[in-house]
Amino acid sequence: MLTAGLISPAEARSHPQRNVVTRYLGSQPAPRPDIAVYEPVPGERFLICSDGLTNELVDAELAQVFTAYPDPDQAAAELVRRANQAGGHDNITVIVLELDSQ
């Protein structure tokens, strides 16, 4: 709904269908995955996380932590800490991956 422009990012955070699973492995017919291929950029960081993180913190806070904590392990730990501090209403899974800068 967000991608289609039917709701705003603010509405998506509290929409009653925000946790509805629309595609899953094992369904018939098999779902078509969303795939995007990008050239790696040295020093680039990726955040892989569960909705336990993104339901507790807004994008601006995620970006602030990425800027304030250059070490990926420290950034991940801080994100989990902040999500728990914000309520920790769901399981919180966080992986911060950084490409080698050399």
N, C-alpha and C. Protein backbone atom coordinates (compact mmCIF):
# COMPACT_ATOMS: atom_id res chain seq x y z
N MET A 1 0.82 -1.20 0.00
CA MET A 1 0.00 0.00 0.00
C MET A 1 0.87 1.26 0.00
N LEU A 2 1.96 1.19 0.73
CA LEU A 2 2.88 2.33 0.76
C LEU A 2 3.52 2.52 -0.60
N THR A 3 4.02 1.44 -1.19
CA THR A 3 4.66 1.50 -2.50
C THR A 3 3.69 2.00 -3.57
N ALA A 4 2.44 1.61 -3.46
CA ALA A 4 1.43 2.02 -4.44
C ALA A 4 0.94 3.44 -4.21
N GLY A 5 1.39 4.08 -3.12
CA GLY A 5 0.99 5.45 -2.84
C GLY A 5 -0.38 5.58 -2.20
N LEU A 6 -0.91 4.47 -1.68
CA LEU A 6 -2.23 4.50 -1.07
C LEU A 6 -2.22 5.02 0.36
N ILE A 7 -1.07 4.89 1.02
CA ILE A 7 -0.92 5.42 2.38
C ILE A 7 0.45 6.08 2.50
N SER A 8 0.58 6.95 3.48
CA SER A 8 1.85 7.66 3.72
C SER A 8 2.74 6.82 4.63
N PRO A 9 4.04 7.15 4.71
CA PRO A 9 4.91 6.44 5.65
C PRO A 9 4.41 6.53 7.09
N ALA A 10 3.87 7.67 7.49
CA ALA A 10 3.33 7.82 8.85
C ALA A 10 2.13 6.90 9.06
N GLU A 11 1.26 6.80 8.06
CA GLU A 11 0.10 5.91 8.16
C GLU A 11 0.53 4.44 8.19
N ALA A 12 1.59 4.12 7.46
CA ALA A 12 2.07 2.73 7.40
C ALA A 12 2.54 2.24 8.77
N ARG A 13 3.09 3.14 9.58
CA ARG A 13 3.60 2.75 10.90
C ARG A 13 2.49 2.23 11.82
N SER A 14 1.26 2.66 11.61
CA SER A 14 0.18 2.23 12.51
C SER A 14 -1.00 1.58 11.78
N HIS A 15 -0.84 1.30 10.51
CA HIS A 15 -1.93 0.71 9.73
C HIS A 15 -2.31 -0.66 10.30
N PRO A 16 -3.61 -0.97 10.39
CA PRO A 16 -4.02 -2.25 10.97
C PRO A 16 -3.54 -3.47 10.19
N GLN A 17 -3.16 -3.32 8.93
CA GLN A 17 -2.68 -4.45 8.14
C GLN A 17 -1.16 -4.43 7.95
N ARG A 18 -0.45 -3.68 8.78
CA ARG A 18 1.00 -3.53 8.60
C ARG A 18 1.76 -4.84 8.78
N ASN A 19 1.21 -5.80 9.51
CA ASN A 19 1.91 -7.06 9.75
C ASN A 19 1.32 -8.23 8.97
N VAL A 20 0.49 -7.95 7.99
CA VAL A 20 -0.10 -9.02 7.19
C VAL A 20 0.96 -9.58 6.25
N VAL A 21 1.15 -10.88 6.28
CA VAL A 21 2.11 -11.54 5.40
C VAL A 21 1.43 -11.79 4.07
N THR A 22 1.99 -11.22 3.00
CA THR A 22 1.37 -11.37 1.68
C THR A 22 2.10 -12.37 0.81
N ARG A 23 3.33 -12.71 1.16
CA ARG A 23 4.10 -13.70 0.41
C ARG A 23 4.90 -14.52 1.42
N TYR A 24 4.98 -15.81 1.17
CA TYR A 24 5.77 -16.65 2.06
C TYR A 24 6.25 -17.88 1.31
N LEU A 25 7.36 -18.43 1.77
CA LEU A 25 7.91 -19.63 1.16
C LEU A 25 6.98 -20.80 1.43
N GLY A 26 6.76 -21.63 0.43
CA GLY A 26 5.89 -22.78 0.58
C GLY A 26 4.49 -22.55 0.06
N SER A 27 4.16 -21.32 -0.29
CA SER A 27 2.83 -21.04 -0.83
C SER A 27 2.76 -21.50 -2.29
N GLN A 28 1.56 -21.74 -2.74
CA GLN A 28 1.34 -22.15 -4.13
C GLN A 28 0.36 -21.17 -4.77
N PRO A 29 0.67 -20.55 -5.85
CA PRO A 29 1.96 -20.65 -6.56
C PRO A 29 3.07 -19.96 -5.75
N ALA A 30 4.28 -20.34 -6.03
CA ALA A 30 5.42 -19.77 -5.32
C ALA A 30 5.50 -18.27 -5.57
N PRO A 31 5.82 -17.49 -4.55
CA PRO A 31 5.91 -16.04 -4.72
C PRO A 31 7.10 -15.65 -5.58
N ARG A 32 7.00 -14.51 -6.23
CA ARG A 32 8.12 -13.97 -7.00
C ARG A 32 8.87 -13.00 -6.09
N PRO A 33 10.13 -13.27 -5.84
CA PRO A 33 10.88 -12.40 -4.92
C PRO A 33 11.17 -11.04 -5.55
N ASP A 34 11.28 -10.03 -4.69
CA ASP A 34 11.75 -8.72 -5.12
C ASP A 34 13.27 -8.79 -5.13
N ILE A 35 13.88 -8.52 -6.26
CA ILE A 35 15.33 -8.60 -6.38
C ILE A 35 15.85 -7.28 -6.95
N ALA A 36 16.87 -6.76 -6.29
CA ALA A 36 17.55 -5.57 -6.79
C ALA A 36 19.05 -5.84 -6.68
N VAL A 37 19.79 -5.56 -7.71
CA VAL A 37 21.23 -5.78 -7.72
C VAL A 37 21.91 -4.42 -7.82
N TYR A 38 22.82 -4.17 -6.89
CA TYR A 38 23.56 -2.92 -6.86
C TYR A 38 25.05 -3.22 -6.82
N GLU A 39 25.84 -2.36 -7.42
CA GLU A 39 27.28 -2.50 -7.33
C GLU A 39 27.70 -2.19 -5.89
N PRO A 40 28.54 -3.02 -5.30
CA PRO A 40 28.98 -2.74 -3.93
C PRO A 40 29.86 -1.50 -3.88
N VAL A 41 29.71 -0.75 -2.82
CA VAL A 41 30.49 0.46 -2.61
C VAL A 41 31.31 0.26 -1.33
N PRO A 42 32.64 0.34 -1.41
CA PRO A 42 33.44 0.16 -0.20
C PRO A 42 32.98 1.09 0.92
N GLY A 43 32.83 0.51 2.12
CA GLY A 43 32.39 1.28 3.28
C GLY A 43 30.88 1.36 3.42
N GLU A 44 30.14 0.88 2.43
CA GLU A 44 28.68 0.92 2.47
C GLU A 44 28.18 0.02 3.59
N ARG A 45 27.08 0.44 4.24
CA ARG A 45 26.49 -0.33 5.34
C ARG A 45 25.07 -0.75 4.98
N PHE A 46 24.71 -1.91 5.50
CA PHE A 46 23.35 -2.43 5.32
C PHE A 46 22.78 -2.77 6.68
N LEU A 47 21.50 -2.51 6.85
CA LEU A 47 20.78 -2.88 8.05
C LEU A 47 19.78 -3.96 7.69
N ILE A 48 19.92 -5.11 8.31
CA ILE A 48 18.98 -6.21 8.15
C ILE A 48 18.32 -6.36 9.52
N CYS A 49 16.99 -6.25 9.55
CA CYS A 49 16.35 -6.25 10.87
C CYS A 49 14.92 -6.75 10.79
N SER A 50 14.39 -7.06 11.94
CA SER A 50 12.99 -7.45 12.05
C SER A 50 12.14 -6.21 12.34
N ASP A 51 10.83 -6.39 12.23
CA ASP A 51 9.94 -5.27 12.52
C ASP A 51 9.94 -4.91 14.00
N GLY A 52 10.55 -5.75 14.84
CA GLY A 52 10.72 -5.39 16.24
C GLY A 52 11.58 -4.15 16.41
N LEU A 53 12.46 -3.89 15.44
CA LEU A 53 13.25 -2.66 15.45
C LEU A 53 12.49 -1.51 14.80
N THR A 54 12.01 -1.74 13.59
CA THR A 54 11.39 -0.64 12.83
C THR A 54 10.04 -0.21 13.39
N ASN A 55 9.40 -1.04 14.21
CA ASN A 55 8.16 -0.61 14.87
C ASN A 55 8.44 0.28 16.06
N GLU A 56 9.68 0.25 16.55
CA GLU A 56 10.02 1.04 17.74
C GLU A 56 10.78 2.32 17.41
N LEU A 57 11.55 2.32 16.32
CA LEU A 57 12.38 3.48 15.98
C LEU A 57 12.02 4.00 14.59
N VAL A 58 12.07 5.31 14.44
CA VAL A 58 11.79 5.91 13.13
C VAL A 58 13.08 5.97 12.32
N ASP A 59 12.95 6.15 11.02
CA ASP A 59 14.10 6.15 10.11
C ASP A 59 15.17 7.17 10.51
N ALA A 60 14.74 8.34 10.98
CA ALA A 60 15.71 9.37 11.37
C ALA A 60 16.59 8.89 12.52
N GLU A 61 16.03 8.15 13.46
CA GLU A 61 16.84 7.64 14.57
C GLU A 61 17.77 6.53 14.10
N LEU A 62 17.31 5.68 13.18
CA LEU A 62 18.18 4.66 12.61
C LEU A 62 19.39 5.32 11.95
N ALA A 63 19.15 6.35 11.16
CA ALA A 63 20.22 7.07 10.47
C ALA A 63 21.17 7.74 11.47
N GLN A 64 20.62 8.28 12.53
CA GLN A 64 21.44 8.95 13.55
C GLN A 64 22.38 7.95 14.21
N VAL A 65 21.90 6.75 14.51
CA VAL A 65 22.75 5.73 15.12
C VAL A 65 23.84 5.31 14.14
N PHE A 66 23.50 5.15 12.87
CA PHE A 66 24.50 4.77 11.86
C PHE A 66 25.62 5.81 11.79
N THR A 67 25.28 7.08 11.96
CA THR A 67 26.27 8.16 11.91
C THR A 67 27.10 8.21 13.19
N ALA A 68 26.45 8.01 14.32
CA ALA A 68 27.11 8.15 15.62
C ALA A 68 27.98 6.94 15.98
N TYR A 69 27.69 5.78 15.44
CA TYR A 69 28.41 4.55 15.79
C TYR A 69 29.04 3.94 14.54
N PRO A 70 30.30 4.29 14.26
CA PRO A 70 30.94 3.78 13.04
C PRO A 70 31.22 2.27 13.09
N ASP A 71 31.32 1.69 14.28
CA ASP A 71 31.55 0.25 14.38
C ASP A 71 30.23 -0.50 14.22
N PRO A 72 30.11 -1.44 13.27
CA PRO A 72 28.86 -2.15 13.03
C PRO A 72 28.30 -2.87 14.27
N ASP A 73 29.18 -3.50 15.06
CA ASP A 73 28.71 -4.19 16.26
C ASP A 73 28.13 -3.22 17.28
N GLN A 74 28.78 -2.08 17.45
CA GLN A 74 28.28 -1.08 18.38
C GLN A 74 26.97 -0.48 17.88
N ALA A 75 26.87 -0.25 16.58
CA ALA A 75 25.63 0.30 16.00
C ALA A 75 24.47 -0.68 16.23
N ALA A 76 24.71 -1.96 15.99
CA ALA A 76 23.66 -2.96 16.19
C ALA A 76 23.23 -3.02 17.64
N ALA A 77 24.20 -3.02 18.56
CA ALA A 77 23.89 -3.06 19.99
C ALA A 77 23.09 -1.83 20.42
N GLU A 78 23.46 -0.67 19.89
CA GLU A 78 22.75 0.56 20.25
C GLU A 78 21.32 0.56 19.70
N LEU A 79 21.14 0.04 18.49
CA LEU A 79 19.79 -0.04 17.93
C LEU A 79 18.89 -0.94 18.78
N VAL A 80 19.42 -2.09 19.20
CA VAL A 80 18.65 -2.99 20.05
C VAL A 80 18.34 -2.32 21.39
N ARG A 81 19.34 -1.65 21.97
CA ARG A 81 19.13 -0.96 23.24
C ARG A 81 18.02 0.08 23.14
N ARG A 82 18.07 0.88 22.08
CA ARG A 82 17.06 1.93 21.90
C ARG A 82 15.67 1.35 21.64
N ALA A 83 15.61 0.27 20.87
CA ALA A 83 14.31 -0.35 20.61
C ALA A 83 13.71 -0.91 21.90
N ASN A 84 14.54 -1.52 22.73
CA ASN A 84 14.06 -2.00 24.03
C ASN A 84 13.62 -0.84 24.91
N GLN A 85 14.39 0.23 24.91
CA GLN A 85 14.05 1.41 25.70
C GLN A 85 12.73 2.03 25.23
N ALA A 86 12.44 1.92 23.93
CA ALA A 86 11.20 2.48 23.37
C ALA A 86 10.00 1.58 23.64
N GLY A 87 10.22 0.44 24.25
CA GLY A 87 9.09 -0.43 24.57
C GLY A 87 9.37 -1.90 24.29
N GLY A 88 10.16 -2.18 23.25
CA GLY A 88 10.51 -3.56 22.93
C GLY A 88 9.32 -4.49 22.87
N HIS A 89 8.28 -4.09 22.15
CA HIS A 89 7.03 -4.84 22.12
C HIS A 89 7.08 -6.13 21.31
N ASP A 90 8.15 -6.37 20.57
CA ASP A 90 8.27 -7.56 19.73
C ASP A 90 9.73 -8.00 19.77
N ASN A 91 10.01 -9.18 19.20
CA ASN A 91 11.41 -9.60 19.13
C ASN A 91 12.18 -8.60 18.27
N ILE A 92 13.43 -8.34 18.65
CA ILE A 92 14.24 -7.34 17.97
C ILE A 92 15.49 -8.04 17.42
N THR A 93 15.56 -8.11 16.10
CA THR A 93 16.70 -8.73 15.44
C THR A 93 17.40 -7.67 14.60
N VAL A 94 18.71 -7.53 14.78
CA VAL A 94 19.46 -6.49 14.07
C VAL A 94 20.79 -7.05 13.59
N ILE A 95 21.10 -6.84 12.32
CA ILE A 95 22.40 -7.13 11.75
C ILE A 95 22.86 -5.88 11.02
N VAL A 96 24.02 -5.39 11.34
CA VAL A 96 24.62 -4.27 10.60
C VAL A 96 25.81 -4.84 9.85
N LEU A 97 25.76 -4.76 8.54
CA LEU A 97 26.79 -5.31 7.67
C LEU A 97 27.50 -4.15 6.99
N GLU A 98 28.82 -4.14 7.07
CA GLU A 98 29.59 -3.08 6.41
C GLU A 98 30.56 -3.72 5.44
N LEU A 99 30.58 -3.22 4.20
CA LEU A 99 31.52 -3.71 3.20
C LEU A 99 32.91 -3.18 3.50
N ASP A 100 33.90 -4.03 3.32
CA ASP A 100 35.28 -3.64 3.56
C ASP A 100 35.61 -2.38 2.76
N SER A 101 36.22 -1.42 3.41
CA SER A 101 36.49 -0.14 2.74
C SER A 101 37.73 -0.18 1.87
N GLN A 102 38.38 -1.33 1.77
CA GLN A 102 39.59 -1.42 0.94
C GLN A 102 39.31 -2.12 -0.35
